[in-house]
């Protein structure tokens, strides 16, 4: 930061503090509005005085970049989908990520058997609790 900018922002901060102090002295109810409008003013100032990006610099939003190129470390929907499905990330052999067939038929049958057994146990526990409550 340049010395001129430091002085400019220091004076602005002091004026802002002085304005808040004057509002507290004369009417403390208006202090809330003062802070709200101050924050709004800072946002507008930051948006209006921001410098333009270099043409070589990538945007944080990949849709504004050439070929929708994303930044290094960005989380993409495809990556999140493959992580949820426990597929290898960026696997070129997995072109159709919506067709999910990672479990074998035996695993599905075993899963369904365990699910049915869990349902039966839950039903029997409900029946036992009903019998106890009826007594």
Protein backbone atom coordinates (compact mmCIF):
# COMPACT_ATOMS: atom_id res chain seq x y z
CA UNK A 1 0.00 0.00 0.00
CA UNK A 2 1.21 3.45 -0.77
CA UNK A 3 1.59 6.14 1.87
CA UNK A 4 -1.17 8.22 0.27
CA UNK A 5 -3.61 5.31 0.48
CA UNK A 6 -2.74 4.67 4.12
CA UNK A 7 -3.38 8.31 4.98
CA UNK A 8 -6.63 8.35 2.98
CA UNK A 9 -7.99 5.20 4.67
CA UNK A 10 -6.83 6.37 8.13
CA UNK A 11 -8.65 9.68 7.74
CA UNK A 12 -11.75 7.87 6.45
CA UNK A 13 -11.68 5.49 9.42
CA UNK A 14 -11.32 8.40 11.88
CA UNK A 15 -14.23 10.25 10.27
CA UNK A 16 -16.31 7.06 10.46
CA UNK A 17 -15.50 6.60 14.17
CA UNK A 18 -16.23 10.30 14.83
CA UNK A 19 -19.60 9.97 13.05
CA UNK A 20 -20.48 6.93 15.17
CA UNK A 21 -19.46 8.75 18.35
CA UNK A 22 -21.57 11.80 17.46
CA UNK A 23 -24.58 9.59 16.79
CA UNK A 24 -24.14 7.84 20.16
CA UNK A 25 -23.94 11.20 21.94
CA UNK A 26 -27.05 12.68 20.29
CA UNK A 27 -29.25 9.70 19.36
CA UNK A 28 -28.11 6.16 20.11
CA UNK A 29 -31.09 4.56 18.34
CA UNK A 30 -29.82 5.74 14.96
CA UNK A 31 -26.46 4.01 15.56
CA UNK A 32 -27.79 0.73 14.16
CA UNK A 33 -28.80 2.40 10.91
CA UNK A 34 -25.44 4.18 10.81
CA UNK A 35 -23.58 0.87 10.90
CA UNK A 36 -25.89 -0.75 8.34
CA UNK A 37 -25.48 2.13 5.89
CA UNK A 38 -21.75 2.23 6.61
CA UNK A 39 -21.33 -1.42 5.68
CA UNK A 40 -23.48 -0.90 2.58
CA UNK A 41 -21.33 2.10 1.63
CA UNK A 42 -18.14 0.08 2.08
CA UNK A 43 -19.48 -2.66 -0.19
CA UNK A 44 -20.46 -0.14 -2.88
CA UNK A 45 -17.08 1.60 -2.57
CA UNK A 46 -15.25 -1.72 -2.89
CA UNK A 47 -17.25 -2.71 -5.96
CA UNK A 48 -16.92 0.65 -7.68
CA UNK A 49 -13.20 1.16 -7.10
CA UNK A 50 -11.97 -2.36 -7.84
CA UNK A 51 -9.37 -2.57 -10.59
CA UNK A 52 -9.90 -4.56 -13.75
CA UNK A 53 -8.49 -8.07 -14.01
CA UNK A 54 -5.61 -8.96 -16.28
CA UNK A 55 -6.76 -10.84 -19.40
CA UNK A 56 -4.53 -13.78 -18.42
CA UNK A 57 -5.99 -14.01 -14.91
CA UNK A 58 -8.66 -16.68 -14.38
CA UNK A 59 -11.97 -15.85 -12.74
CA UNK A 60 -13.13 -17.68 -9.62
CA UNK A 61 -16.28 -18.54 -11.57
CA UNK A 62 -15.31 -21.08 -14.21
CA UNK A 63 -18.16 -20.10 -16.56
CA UNK A 64 -16.36 -16.80 -17.26
CA UNK A 65 -13.05 -18.51 -18.14
CA UNK A 66 -12.10 -19.74 -21.62
CA UNK A 67 -13.36 -23.31 -22.14
CA UNK A 68 -14.93 -23.11 -18.64
CA UNK A 69 -11.51 -23.82 -17.14
CA UNK A 70 -11.67 -24.07 -13.36
CA UNK A 71 -9.08 -22.98 -10.84
CA UNK A 72 -6.76 -25.48 -9.24
CA UNK A 73 -8.47 -26.95 -6.18
CA UNK A 74 -12.03 -26.13 -7.24
CA UNK A 75 -14.65 -28.75 -6.43
CA UNK A 76 -16.56 -29.79 -9.54
CA UNK A 77 -19.93 -31.53 -9.65
CA UNK A 78 -18.41 -34.53 -11.45
CA UNK A 79 -15.73 -34.89 -8.79
CA UNK A 80 -18.28 -34.67 -5.97
CA UNK A 81 -20.51 -37.20 -7.70
CA UNK A 82 -17.67 -39.69 -8.17
CA UNK A 83 -16.55 -39.25 -4.55
CA UNK A 84 -20.06 -39.92 -3.26
CA UNK A 85 -20.28 -43.04 -5.43
CA UNK A 86 -16.78 -44.16 -4.35
CA UNK A 87 -15.64 -44.18 -7.97
CA UNK A 88 -12.07 -43.22 -8.81
CA UNK A 89 -11.85 -39.49 -9.48
CA UNK A 90 -11.37 -38.53 -13.15
CA UNK A 91 -11.47 -42.12 -14.34
CA UNK A 92 -11.58 -41.88 -18.16
CA UNK A 93 -13.11 -45.35 -18.47
CA UNK A 94 -16.16 -44.21 -16.50
CA UNK A 95 -17.77 -42.01 -19.16
CA UNK A 96 -21.35 -42.48 -18.02
CA UNK A 97 -21.27 -41.60 -14.34
CA UNK A 98 -25.06 -41.87 -14.09
CA UNK A 99 -24.99 -45.60 -14.86
CA UNK A 100 -23.82 -46.84 -11.47
CA UNK A 101 -23.15 -50.60 -11.31
CA UNK A 102 -20.28 -50.96 -8.87
CA UNK A 103 -21.89 -53.65 -6.72
CA UNK A 104 -22.12 -57.19 -7.94
CA UNK A 105 -25.41 -59.07 -7.89
CA UNK A 106 -24.29 -61.13 -4.89
CA UNK A 107 -23.56 -57.99 -2.91
CA UNK A 108 -26.97 -56.59 -3.80
CA UNK A 109 -28.67 -59.83 -2.75
CA UNK A 110 -26.74 -59.83 0.53
CA UNK A 111 -27.64 -56.19 1.09
CA UNK A 112 -31.32 -56.91 0.47
CA UNK A 113 -31.21 -59.92 2.85
CA UNK A 114 -29.67 -57.79 5.60
CA UNK A 115 -32.24 -55.06 4.98
CA UNK A 116 -35.11 -57.56 5.21
CA UNK A 117 -33.65 -59.04 8.40
CA UNK A 118 -33.40 -55.54 9.90
CA UNK A 119 -37.03 -54.86 8.98
CA UNK A 120 -38.15 -58.11 10.62
CA UNK A 121 -36.25 -57.27 13.81
CA UNK A 122 -37.78 -53.79 13.88
CA UNK A 123 -41.29 -55.21 13.41
CA UNK A 124 -40.78 -57.78 16.16
CA UNK A 125 -39.49 -55.07 18.52
CA UNK A 126 -42.57 -52.96 17.76
CA UNK A 127 -44.84 -55.94 18.47
CA UNK A 128 -43.06 -56.59 21.79
CA UNK A 129 -43.39 -52.96 22.85
CA UNK A 130 -47.11 -52.96 21.95
CA UNK A 131 -47.68 -56.12 24.00
CA UNK A 132 -45.92 -54.55 26.98
CA UNK A 133 -47.97 -51.36 26.70
CA UNK A 134 -51.25 -53.33 26.51
CA UNK A 135 -50.53 -55.14 29.79
